[in-house]
Amino acid sequence: MSALYDGAVVHQRFAPKRHRLRYRIFQLLLDLDELPELSLRLLRHNRFGLFGFHDRDHGAGDGAPLRAYAESVLARAGIDIQGGAIRLLCMPRVLGYVFNPLSIYYCHRRDGVLAATILEVTNTFGERHSYVVPADADGRVKRVCPKTFFVSPFMGMDMAYDFKLAAPAGDVATAIVGRGPSGEALISAAFAGARQDLTDASLARAFVAHPLMTLKVIAAIHWEAAKLVAKGIRLVRKPAPPVRPLTVLAPLEADPPAAHQAQAQRRASHVALVGRRRRLQPQQAKAAEIAVGEQPQIKLPA
């Protein structure tokens, strides 16, 4: 069910120069089936309020119901959750304004096990792209994905992401590490928060603890950018956005036969990635094959 998570976001850059930021924020976990029935005075759905959640702030941006949007995205990835719950972790509008650099849809099967996540990334250039990442059999997301969408003018595109996610419960923790061509960690981003029931009282406490939070988020992005410029980090030219709005990872499966491996070898880019499926270690850098096409497929060593 829907909830509020109060915690902190931490970003660290490791190269070319070190930089760290930490900000206290809160996020809402909204069950998309519950949205029309939420009876909260302080949180309004598609209406102005102290806090607001608007469908057009996510998905295709057209204001269509987000459950239908998420199911269509999952269908393109060949994932059928058979009516299971879809819950969206994001910041709400505060007095009509929001900027969500990352929103995460947790898509569950009917039995409650996490089937996939949709990581919806929005940059400050007004563009949006989603990474569709299937979960493992145990309902956790531990995957590596090529970077296909430009986010920061201080980071190029020659990168891959390590995702480590689990469905929110008593607390929530998300971790993403961006790695360079040789497997070196360039940047990490994490959010951790403790669960509270989503009530008018918890929303009031959140507003007092984090007044004008979403305005502070966009201000902090530009403030940290100014500090990076002051450290002498050069800007990267922005490429054109990807033609398709989705990057879809195929489910992990057994190693393909030799003939299929040879075919993949001919049409793959090689990016040095770090680690194994369960735990990523700097000393375990190995090459992973990223198949070129609409749905990049990544095969990690067992």
C-alpha atoms as a PDB file:
ATOM      1  CA  MET A   1       0.000   0.000   0.000  1.00  0.00           C
ATOM      2  CA  SER A   2       1.014   3.638  -0.337  1.00  0.00           C
ATOM      3  CA  ALA A   3       3.520   5.109   2.124  1.00  0.00           C
ATOM      4  CA  LEU A   4       5.932   7.957   2.829  1.00  0.00           C
ATOM      5  CA  TYR A   5       9.691   7.387   3.106  1.00  0.00           C
ATOM      6  CA  ASP A   6      11.769   9.981   4.936  1.00  0.00           C
ATOM      7  CA  GLY A   7      15.499   9.773   4.409  1.00  0.00           C
ATOM      8  CA  ALA A   8      18.485  11.113   2.504  1.00  0.00           C
ATOM      9  CA  VAL A   9      19.961  11.045  -0.966  1.00  0.00           C
ATOM     10  CA  VAL A  10      23.742  10.782  -1.368  1.00  0.00           C
ATOM     11  CA  HIS A  11      25.741  11.316  -4.580  1.00  0.00           C
ATOM     12  CA  GLN A  12      29.480  10.740  -4.878  1.00  0.00           C
ATOM     13  CA  ARG A  13      31.746  11.444  -7.849  1.00  0.00           C
ATOM     14  CA  PHE A  14      35.055   9.618  -7.881  1.00  0.00           C
ATOM     15  CA  ALA A  15      36.615  10.930 -11.090  1.00  0.00           C
ATOM     16  CA  PRO A  16      38.026  13.075 -12.558  1.00  0.00           C
ATOM     17  CA  LYS A  17      37.751  14.833  -9.180  1.00  0.00           C
ATOM     18  CA  ARG A  18      36.004  13.744  -6.033  1.00  0.00           C
ATOM     19  CA  HIS A  19      32.767  15.415  -5.012  1.00  0.00           C
ATOM     20  CA  ARG A  20      30.078  14.425  -2.538  1.00  0.00           C
ATOM     21  CA  LEU A  21      26.631  15.718  -1.678  1.00  0.00           C
ATOM     22  CA  ARG A  22      24.016  14.646   0.817  1.00  0.00           C
ATOM     23  CA  TYR A  23      20.519  16.073   1.174  1.00  0.00           C
ATOM     24  CA  ARG A  24      17.577  15.126   3.379  1.00  0.00           C
ATOM     25  CA  ILE A  25      14.418  14.471   1.354  1.00  0.00           C
ATOM     26  CA  PHE A  26      11.285  12.377   1.476  1.00  0.00           C
ATOM     27  CA  GLN A  27       9.555  10.404  -1.241  1.00  0.00           C
ATOM     28  CA  LEU A  28       6.115   8.893  -1.630  1.00  0.00           C
ATOM     29  CA  LEU A  29       5.433   5.306  -2.613  1.00  0.00           C
ATOM     30  CA  LEU A  30       2.100   5.469  -4.421  1.00  0.00           C
ATOM     31  CA  ASP A  31       0.090   2.393  -5.349  1.00  0.00           C
ATOM     32  CA  LEU A  32      -1.304   3.391  -8.743  1.00  0.00           C
ATOM     33  CA  ASP A  33      -4.537   1.501  -8.070  1.00  0.00           C
ATOM     34  CA  GLU A  34      -5.096   3.493  -4.870  1.00  0.00           C
ATOM     35  CA  LEU A  35      -4.622   6.945  -6.379  1.00  0.00           C
ATOM     36  CA  PRO A  36      -8.281   7.612  -7.254  1.00  0.00           C
ATOM     37  CA  GLU A  37      -9.329   6.556  -3.740  1.00  0.00           C
ATOM     38  CA  LEU A  38      -6.774   8.466  -1.648  1.00  0.00           C
ATOM     39  CA  SER A  39      -8.737  10.683   0.709  1.00  0.00           C
ATOM     40  CA  LEU A  40      -6.064  13.053   1.971  1.00  0.00           C
ATOM     41  CA  ARG A  41      -6.565  16.771   2.433  1.00  0.00           C
ATOM     42  CA  LEU A  42      -2.871  17.563   1.964  1.00  0.00           C
ATOM     43  CA  LEU A  43      -2.203  15.380  -1.108  1.00  0.00           C
ATOM     44  CA  ARG A  44      -4.274  15.986  -4.231  1.00  0.00           C
ATOM     45  CA  HIS A  45      -4.373  13.827  -7.350  1.00  0.00           C
ATOM     46  CA  ASN A  46      -4.247  15.911 -10.546  1.00  0.00           C
ATOM     47  CA  ARG A  47      -5.260  18.986  -8.563  1.00  0.00           C
ATOM     48  CA  PHE A  48      -3.390  21.802  -6.841  1.00  0.00           C
ATOM     49  CA  GLY A  49      -2.661  21.390  -3.168  1.00  0.00           C
ATOM     50  CA  LEU A  50       0.048  21.650  -0.562  1.00  0.00           C
ATOM     51  CA  PHE A  51       1.241  18.354  -2.025  1.00  0.00           C
ATOM     52  CA  GLY A  52       0.135  17.069  -5.395  1.00  0.00           C
ATOM     53  CA  PHE A  53       0.615  14.103  -7.660  1.00  0.00           C
ATOM     54  CA  HIS A  54      -0.100  14.674 -11.343  1.00  0.00           C
ATOM     55  CA  ASP A  55      -0.097  11.882 -13.914  1.00  0.00           C
ATOM     56  CA  ARG A  56       1.402  14.210 -16.536  1.00  0.00           C
ATOM     57  CA  ASP A  57       4.563  14.558 -14.432  1.00  0.00           C
ATOM     58  CA  HIS A  58       5.425  10.962 -15.349  1.00  0.00           C
ATOM     59  CA  GLY A  59       5.192   8.442 -18.161  1.00  0.00           C
ATOM     60  CA  ALA A  60       4.435   9.865 -21.584  1.00  0.00           C
ATOM     61  CA  GLY A  61       3.615  13.239 -20.035  1.00  0.00           C
ATOM     62  CA  ASP A  62       0.129  13.296 -21.553  1.00  0.00           C
ATOM     63  CA  GLY A  63      -1.810  12.911 -18.314  1.00  0.00           C
ATOM     64  CA  ALA A  64      -3.037   9.403 -19.155  1.00  0.00           C
ATOM     65  CA  PRO A  65      -3.472   6.952 -16.238  1.00  0.00           C
ATOM     66  CA  LEU A  66      -0.049   5.701 -15.218  1.00  0.00           C
ATOM     67  CA  ARG A  67      -1.032   2.104 -14.586  1.00  0.00           C
ATOM     68  CA  ALA A  68      -1.986   1.676 -18.251  1.00  0.00           C
ATOM     69  CA  TYR A  69       1.262   3.386 -19.261  1.00  0.00           C
ATOM     70  CA  ALA A  70       3.393   1.113 -17.052  1.00  0.00           C
ATOM     71  CA  GLU A  71       1.625  -2.024 -18.304  1.00  0.00           C
ATOM     72  CA  SER A  72       2.261  -0.979 -21.912  1.00  0.00           C
ATOM     73  CA  VAL A  73       5.942  -0.483 -21.131  1.00  0.00           C
ATOM     74  CA  LEU A  74       6.128  -3.907 -19.475  1.00  0.00           C
ATOM     75  CA  ALA A  75       4.383  -5.463 -22.477  1.00  0.00           C
ATOM     76  CA  ARG A  76       7.088  -4.084 -24.773  1.00  0.00           C
ATOM     77  CA  ALA A  77       9.581  -5.870 -22.538  1.00  0.00           C
ATOM     78  CA  GLY A  78       7.568  -9.111 -22.688  1.00  0.00           C
ATOM     79  CA  ILE A  79       6.592  -8.911 -19.018  1.00  0.00           C
ATOM     80  CA  ASP A  80       3.050  -9.714 -17.863  1.00  0.00           C
ATOM     81  CA  ILE A  81       2.337  -9.057 -14.195  1.00  0.00           C
ATOM     82  CA  GLN A  82      -1.271 -10.333 -14.525  1.00  0.00           C
ATOM     83  CA  GLY A  83      -2.838  -7.468 -12.638  1.00  0.00           C
ATOM     84  CA  GLY A  84      -0.262  -7.263  -9.865  1.00  0.00           C
ATOM     85  CA  ALA A  85       0.411  -4.070  -7.958  1.00  0.00           C
ATOM     86  CA  ILE A  86       2.431  -1.211  -9.474  1.00  0.00           C
ATOM     87  CA  ARG A  87       3.865   1.274  -6.995  1.00  0.00           C
ATOM     88  CA  LEU A  88       5.706   4.457  -7.925  1.00  0.00           C
ATOM     89  CA  LEU A  89       8.476   5.933  -5.754  1.00  0.00           C
ATOM     90  CA  CYS A  90       8.864   9.656  -6.404  1.00  0.00           C
ATOM     91  CA  MET A  91       8.687  13.119  -4.919  1.00  0.00           C
ATOM     92  CA  PRO A  92       5.314  14.867  -4.981  1.00  0.00           C
ATOM     93  CA  ARG A  93       4.635  18.368  -6.160  1.00  0.00           C
ATOM     94  CA  VAL A  94       5.059  20.912  -3.356  1.00  0.00           C
ATOM     95  CA  LEU A  95       2.869  23.973  -3.861  1.00  0.00           C
ATOM     96  CA  GLY A  96       2.552  23.025  -7.521  1.00  0.00           C
ATOM     97  CA  TYR A  97       6.224  22.347  -8.374  1.00  0.00           C
ATOM     98  CA  VAL A  98       8.240  19.155  -8.755  1.00  0.00           C
ATOM     99  CA  PHE A  99      11.371  17.910 -10.474  1.00  0.00           C
ATOM    100  CA  ASN A 100      12.044  14.180 -10.167  1.00  0.00           C
ATOM    101  CA  PRO A 101      15.507  13.213 -11.473  1.00  0.00           C
ATOM    102  CA  LEU A 102      14.595   9.557 -10.870  1.00  0.00           C
ATOM    103  CA  SER A 103      11.229   7.902 -10.323  1.00  0.00           C
ATOM    104  CA  ILE A 104      10.959   4.139  -9.899  1.00  0.00           C
ATOM    105  CA  TYR A 105       7.953   1.949 -10.728  1.00  0.00           C
ATOM    106  CA  TYR A 106       7.995  -1.290  -8.723  1.00  0.00           C
ATOM    107  CA  CYS A 107       5.941  -3.802 -10.728  1.00  0.00           C
ATOM    108  CA  HIS A 108       4.746  -6.877  -8.829  1.00  0.00           C
ATOM    109  CA  ARG A 109       3.241 -10.151  -9.964  1.00  0.00           C
ATOM    110  CA  ARG A 110      -0.132 -11.153  -8.606  1.00  0.00           C
ATOM    111  CA  ASP A 111       1.597 -13.188  -5.862  1.00  0.00           C
ATOM    112  CA  GLY A 112       3.354 -10.026  -4.642  1.00  0.00           C
ATOM    113  CA  VAL A 113       6.860 -10.868  -5.875  1.00  0.00           C
ATOM    114  CA  LEU A 114       8.663  -8.056  -7.672  1.00  0.00           C
ATOM    115  CA  ALA A 115       8.746  -8.805 -11.408  1.00  0.00           C
ATOM    116  CA  ALA A 116      10.450  -5.693 -12.797  1.00  0.00           C
ATOM    117  CA  THR A 117      11.286  -2.071 -12.210  1.00  0.00           C
ATOM    118  CA  ILE A 118      10.923   0.871 -14.558  1.00  0.00           C
ATOM    119  CA  LEU A 119      13.508   3.545 -13.788  1.00  0.00           C
ATOM    120  CA  GLU A 120      12.206   6.819 -15.188  1.00  0.00           C
ATOM    121  CA  VAL A 121      15.001   9.380 -15.595  1.00  0.00           C
ATOM    122  CA  THR A 122      14.336  13.067 -16.242  1.00  0.00           C
ATOM    123  CA  ASN A 123      17.123  15.512 -17.059  1.00  0.00           C
ATOM    124  CA  THR A 124      17.215  19.273 -16.663  1.00  0.00           C
ATOM    125  CA  PHE A 125      16.821  19.681 -20.440  1.00  0.00           C
ATOM    126  CA  GLY A 126      13.185  18.616 -20.249  1.00  0.00           C
ATOM    127  CA  GLU A 127      13.792  15.101 -21.587  1.00  0.00           C
ATOM    128  CA  ARG A 128      12.724  11.761 -20.123  1.00  0.00           C
ATOM    129  CA  HIS A 129      13.871   8.177 -20.664  1.00  0.00           C
ATOM    130  CA  SER A 130      13.049   4.896 -18.944  1.00  0.00           C
ATOM    131  CA  TYR A 131      15.106   1.778 -18.234  1.00  0.00           C
ATOM    132  CA  VAL A 132      13.015  -1.393 -17.930  1.00  0.00           C
ATOM    133  CA  VAL A 133      14.863  -3.835 -15.685  1.00  0.00           C
ATOM    134  CA  PRO A 134      13.462  -7.315 -14.912  1.00  0.00           C
ATOM    135  CA  ALA A 135      13.971  -8.637 -11.392  1.00  0.00           C
ATOM    136  CA  ASP A 136      15.696 -11.875 -10.478  1.00  0.00           C
ATOM    137  CA  ALA A 137      13.699 -14.894  -9.353  1.00  0.00           C
ATOM    138  CA  ASP A 138      14.083 -13.720  -5.754  1.00  0.00           C
ATOM    139  CA  GLY A 139      12.417 -10.399  -6.556  1.00  0.00           C
ATOM    140  CA  ARG A 140      15.556  -8.272  -6.429  1.00  0.00           C
ATOM    141  CA  VAL A 141      17.148  -6.151  -9.143  1.00  0.00           C
ATOM    142  CA  LYS A 142      20.900  -6.650  -9.527  1.00  0.00           C
ATOM    143  CA  ARG A 143      21.725  -5.772 -13.107  1.00  0.00           C
ATOM    144  CA  VAL A 144      24.114  -3.872 -15.340  1.00  0.00           C
ATOM    145  CA  CYS A 145      22.815  -1.582 -18.052  1.00  0.00           C
ATOM    146  CA  PRO A 146      24.433   0.594 -20.734  1.00  0.00           C
ATOM    147  CA  LYS A 147      23.897   4.317 -20.337  1.00  0.00           C
ATOM    148  CA  THR A 148      21.670   5.419 -23.219  1.00  0.00           C
ATOM    149  CA  PHE A 149      20.336   8.765 -21.977  1.00  0.00           C
ATOM    150  CA  PHE A 150      22.231  11.991 -21.287  1.00  0.00           C
ATOM    151  CA  VAL A 151      21.726  13.279 -17.758  1.00  0.00           C
ATOM    152  CA  SER A 152      24.580  15.451 -16.516  1.00  0.00           C
ATOM    153  CA  PRO A 153      26.736  17.866 -18.539  1.00  0.00           C
ATOM    154  CA  PHE A 154      29.642  16.634 -16.414  1.00  0.00           C
ATOM    155  CA  MET A 155      29.330  12.973 -17.452  1.00  0.00           C
ATOM    156  CA  GLY A 156      29.734  11.475 -20.913  1.00  0.00           C
ATOM    157  CA  MET A 157      27.862   8.571 -22.467  1.00  0.00           C
ATOM    158  CA  ASP A 158      30.673   5.994 -22.366  1.00  0.00           C
ATOM    159  CA  MET A 159      29.347   4.423 -19.185  1.00  0.00           C
ATOM    160  CA  ALA A 160      27.273   1.606 -17.766  1.00  0.00           C
ATOM    161  CA  TYR A 161      25.077   1.506 -14.672  1.00  0.00           C
ATOM    162  CA  ASP A 162      25.054  -1.057 -11.862  1.00  0.00           C
ATOM    163  CA  PHE A 163      21.517  -1.205 -10.441  1.00  0.00           C
ATOM    164  CA  LYS A 164      20.786  -2.641  -7.003  1.00  0.00           C
ATOM    165  CA  LEU A 165      17.145  -2.367  -5.945  1.00  0.00           C
ATOM    166  CA  ALA A 166      14.572  -4.182  -3.855  1.00  0.00           C
ATOM    167  CA  ALA A 167      10.883  -3.562  -3.303  1.00  0.00           C
ATOM    168  CA  PRO A 168      10.303  -1.038  -0.484  1.00  0.00           C
ATOM    169  CA  ALA A 169       9.132  -2.511   2.791  1.00  0.00           C
ATOM    170  CA  GLY A 170       9.866  -1.209   6.307  1.00  0.00           C
ATOM    171  CA  ASP A 171      12.522   0.928   4.679  1.00  0.00           C
ATOM    172  CA  VAL A 172      13.703   1.600   1.160  1.00  0.00           C
ATOM    173  CA  ALA A 173      17.193   1.598  -0.347  1.00  0.00           C
ATOM    174  CA  THR A 174      18.187   2.243  -3.935  1.00  0.00           C
ATOM    175  CA  ALA A 175      21.766   2.186  -5.200  1.00  0.00           C
ATOM    176  CA  ILE A 176      23.165   2.972  -8.642  1.00  0.00           C
ATOM    177  CA  VAL A 177      26.849   3.053  -9.583  1.00  0.00           C
ATOM    178  CA  GLY A 178      28.012   4.525 -12.884  1.00  0.00           C
ATOM    179  CA  ARG A 179      31.146   2.871 -14.271  1.00  0.00           C
ATOM    180  CA  GLY A 180      33.538   3.890 -16.998  1.00  0.00           C
ATOM    181  CA  PRO A 181      34.947   1.882 -19.933  1.00  0.00           C
ATOM    182  CA  SER A 182      37.490   0.093 -17.720  1.00  0.00           C
ATOM    183  CA  GLY A 183      35.027  -0.752 -14.980  1.00  0.00           C
ATOM    184  CA  GLU A 184      36.109   2.072 -12.693  1.00  0.00           C
ATOM    185  CA  ALA A 185      33.470   3.690 -10.505  1.00  0.00           C
ATOM    186  CA  LEU A 186      32.787   7.234 -11.699  1.00  0.00           C
ATOM    187  CA  ILE A 187      29.700   8.110  -9.707  1.00  0.00           C
ATOM    188  CA  SER A 188      27.279   6.591  -7.217  1.00  0.00           C
ATOM    189  CA  ALA A 189      23.785   7.641  -6.226  1.00  0.00           C
ATOM    190  CA  ALA A 190      21.737   6.233  -3.368  1.00  0.00           C
ATOM    191  CA  PHE A 191      18.555   6.945  -1.460  1.00  0.00           C
ATOM    192  CA  ALA A 192      17.617   5.397   1.865  1.00  0.00           C
ATOM    193  CA  GLY A 193      14.493   6.135   3.830  1.00  0.00           C
ATOM    194  CA  ALA A 194      12.306   4.849   6.660  1.00  0.00           C
ATOM    195  CA  ARG A 195       8.642   4.082   6.087  1.00  0.00           C
ATOM    196  CA  GLN A 196       5.764   6.048   7.556  1.00  0.00           C
ATOM    197  CA  ASP A 197       2.068   5.599   6.927  1.00  0.00           C
ATOM    198  CA  LEU A 198       0.801   8.017   4.299  1.00  0.00           C
ATOM    199  CA  THR A 199      -1.541  10.272   6.290  1.00  0.00           C
ATOM    200  CA  ASP A 200      -2.254  13.972   6.542  1.00  0.00           C
ATOM    201  CA  ALA A 201      -0.281  13.993   9.781  1.00  0.00           C
ATOM    202  CA  SER A 202       2.816  12.435   8.197  1.00  0.00           C
ATOM    203  CA  LEU A 203       2.567  14.820   5.247  1.00  0.00           C
ATOM    204  CA  ALA A 204       2.321  17.806   7.608  1.00  0.00           C
ATOM    205  CA  ARG A 205       5.422  16.623   9.476  1.00  0.00           C
ATOM    206  CA  ALA A 206       7.242  16.153   6.164  1.00  0.00           C
ATOM    207  CA  PHE A 207       6.386  19.683   5.071  1.00  0.00           C
ATOM    208  CA  VAL A 208       7.723  21.125   8.330  1.00  0.00           C
ATOM    209  CA  ALA A 209      10.915  19.038   8.080  1.00  0.00           C
ATOM    210  CA  HIS A 210      11.408  19.664   4.341  1.00  0.00           C
ATOM    211  CA  PRO A 211       9.738  22.980   3.442  1.00  0.00           C
ATOM    212  CA  LEU A 212       9.718  23.747  -0.301  1.00  0.00           C
ATOM    213  CA  MET A 213      11.674  20.521  -0.854  1.00  0.00           C
ATOM    214  CA  THR A 214      11.223  20.268  -4.609  1.00  0.00           C
ATOM    215  CA  LEU A 215      12.411  23.846  -5.172  1.00  0.00           C
ATOM    216  CA  LYS A 216      15.442  23.018  -3.048  1.00  0.00           C
ATOM    217  CA  VAL A 217      16.131  19.967  -5.236  1.00  0.00           C
ATOM    218  CA  ILE A 218      16.392  21.958  -8.467  1.00  0.00           C
ATOM    219  CA  ALA A 219      18.336  24.726  -6.690  1.00  0.00           C
ATOM    220  CA  ALA A 220      20.748  22.145  -5.261  1.00  0.00           C
ATOM    221  CA  ILE A 221      21.336  20.639  -8.706  1.00  0.00           C
ATOM    222  CA  HIS A 222      22.500  24.009 -10.029  1.00  0.00           C
ATOM    223  CA  TRP A 223      24.459  24.818  -6.866  1.00  0.00           C
ATOM    224  CA  GLU A 224      26.365  21.531  -7.048  1.00  0.00           C
ATOM    225  CA  ALA A 225      26.974  22.130 -10.768  1.00  0.00           C
ATOM    226  CA  ALA A 226      28.554  25.481  -9.950  1.00  0.00           C
ATOM    227  CA  LYS A 227      30.847  23.777  -7.437  1.00  0.00           C
ATOM    228  CA  LEU A 228      31.893  21.209 -10.075  1.00  0.00           C
ATOM    229  CA  VAL A 229      32.751  24.018 -12.496  1.00  0.00           C
ATOM    230  CA  ALA A 230      34.769  25.686  -9.744  1.00  0.00           C
ATOM    231  CA  LYS A 231      36.710  22.435  -9.324  1.00  0.00           C
ATOM    232  CA  GLY A 232      37.682  22.608 -12.995  1.00  0.00           C
ATOM    233  CA  ILE A 233      35.499  19.777 -14.303  1.00  0.00           C
ATOM    234  CA  ARG A 234      34.781  20.336 -17.980  1.00  0.00           C
ATOM    235  CA  LEU A 235      31.347  20.317 -19.517  1.00  0.00           C
ATOM    236  CA  VAL A 236      30.388  17.537 -21.930  1.00  0.00           C
ATOM    237  CA  ARG A 237      28.585  18.324 -25.174  1.00  0.00           C
ATOM    238  CA  LYS A 238      24.997  17.118 -25.046  1.00  0.00           C
ATOM    239  CA  PRO A 239      24.125  14.507 -27.706  1.00  0.00           C
ATOM    240  CA  ALA A 240      20.714  14.158 -29.311  1.00  0.00           C
ATOM    241  CA  PRO A 241      18.239  12.220 -27.145  1.00  0.00           C
ATOM    242  CA  PRO A 242      17.711   8.542 -27.991  1.00  0.00           C
ATOM    243  CA  VAL A 243      15.181   7.835 -30.727  1.00  0.00           C
ATOM    244  CA  ARG A 244      13.256   5.426 -28.509  1.00  0.00           C
ATOM    245  CA  PRO A 245      12.048   6.413 -25.035  1.00  0.00           C
ATOM    246  CA  LEU A 246      12.897   3.016 -23.506  1.00  0.00           C
ATOM    247  CA  THR A 247      15.955   0.907 -22.845  1.00  0.00           C
ATOM    248  CA  VAL A 248      14.814  -2.653 -22.151  1.00  0.00           C
ATOM    249  CA  LEU A 249      16.996  -5.285 -20.499  1.00  0.00           C
ATOM    250  CA  ALA A 250      16.276  -8.910 -21.299  1.00  0.00           C
ATOM    251  CA  PRO A 251      15.765 -11.320 -18.384  1.00  0.00           C
ATOM    252  CA  LEU A 252      18.877 -13.158 -17.241  1.00  0.00           C
ATOM    253  CA  GLU A 253      19.007 -16.636 -18.685  1.00  0.00           C
ATOM    254  CA  ALA A 254      21.400 -19.474 -19.315  1.00  0.00           C
ATOM    255  CA  ASP A 255      24.447 -18.849 -21.489  1.00  0.00           C
ATOM    256  CA  PRO A 256      23.560 -19.007 -25.211  1.00  0.00           C
ATOM    257  CA  PRO A 257      25.021 -21.703 -27.457  1.00  0.00           C
ATOM    258  CA  ALA A 258      28.351 -21.067 -29.155  1.00  0.00           C
ATOM    259  CA  ALA A 259      26.785 -20.069 -32.492  1.00  0.00           C
ATOM    260  CA  HIS A 260      24.584 -17.500 -30.786  1.00  0.00           C
ATOM    261  CA  GLN A 261      27.570 -16.205 -28.845  1.00  0.00           C
ATOM    262  CA  ALA A 262      29.519 -15.765 -32.071  1.00  0.00           C
ATOM    263  CA  GLN A 263      26.641 -13.833 -33.640  1.00  0.00           C
ATOM    264  CA  ALA A 264      26.333 -11.629 -30.568  1.00  0.00           C
ATOM    265  CA  GLN A 265      30.091 -11.064 -30.645  1.00  0.00           C
ATOM    266  CA  ARG A 266      29.891  -9.644 -34.169  1.00  0.00           C
ATOM    267  CA  ARG A 267      27.163  -7.138 -33.352  1.00  0.00           C
ATOM    268  CA  ALA A 268      28.102  -6.189 -29.800  1.00  0.00           C
ATOM    269  CA  SER A 269      29.968  -3.305 -28.253  1.00  0.00           C
ATOM    270  CA  HIS A 270      32.303  -4.298 -25.439  1.00  0.00           C
ATOM    271  CA  VAL A 271      32.208  -2.259 -22.246  1.00  0.00           C
ATOM    272  CA  ALA A 272      34.336  -3.350 -19.312  1.00  0.00           C
ATOM    273  CA  LEU A 273      31.981  -3.856 -16.403  1.00  0.00           C
ATOM    274  CA  VAL A 274      32.672  -4.782 -12.845  1.00  0.00           C
ATOM    275  CA  GLY A 275      31.749  -7.856 -11.028  1.00  0.00           C
ATOM    276  CA  ARG A 276      29.422 -10.722 -10.713  1.00  0.00           C
ATOM    277  CA  ARG A 277      25.683 -10.953 -10.638  1.00  0.00           C
ATOM    278  CA  ARG A 278      25.333 -11.041  -6.862  1.00  0.00           C
ATOM    279  CA  ARG A 279      28.020  -8.611  -5.658  1.00  0.00           C
ATOM    280  CA  LEU A 280      30.053  -6.139  -7.660  1.00  0.00           C
ATOM    281  CA  GLN A 281      33.731  -5.982  -6.678  1.00  0.00           C
ATOM    282  CA  PRO A 282      36.349  -3.656  -8.210  1.00  0.00           C
ATOM    283  CA  GLN A 283      38.819  -6.497  -8.645  1.00  0.00           C
ATOM    284  CA  GLN A 284      36.364  -8.579 -10.678  1.00  0.00           C
ATOM    285  CA  ALA A 285      36.180  -6.428 -13.809  1.00  0.00           C
ATOM    286  CA  LYS A 286      35.152  -8.459 -16.853  1.00  0.00           C
ATOM    287  CA  ALA A 287      33.800  -7.741 -20.304  1.00  0.00           C
ATOM    288  CA  ALA A 288      30.075  -7.886 -20.861  1.00  0.00           C
ATOM    289  CA  GLU A 289      28.440  -7.947 -24.252  1.00  0.00           C
ATOM    290  CA  ILE A 290      25.838  -5.319 -24.991  1.00  0.00           C
ATOM    291  CA  ALA A 291      23.773  -6.304 -28.022  1.00  0.00           C
ATOM    292  CA  VAL A 292      23.057  -3.356 -30.280  1.00  0.00           C
ATOM    293  CA  GLY A 293      19.396  -2.698 -30.998  1.00  0.00           C
ATOM    294  CA  GLU A 294      16.105  -1.632 -29.517  1.00  0.00           C
ATOM    295  CA  GLN A 295      16.410  -3.946 -26.549  1.00  0.00           C
ATOM    296  CA  PRO A 296      20.016  -4.136 -25.308  1.00  0.00           C
ATOM    297  CA  GLN A 297      20.695  -7.541 -23.786  1.00  0.00           C
ATOM    298  CA  ILE A 298      23.408  -7.868 -21.187  1.00  0.00           C
ATOM    299  CA  LYS A 299      24.990 -11.135 -20.207  1.00  0.00           C
ATOM    300  CA  LEU A 300      27.109 -11.169 -17.066  1.00  0.00           C
ATOM    301  CA  PRO A 301      29.474 -13.937 -16.017  1.00  0.00           C
ATOM    302  CA  ALA A 302      27.854 -16.440 -13.676  1.00  0.00           C
END
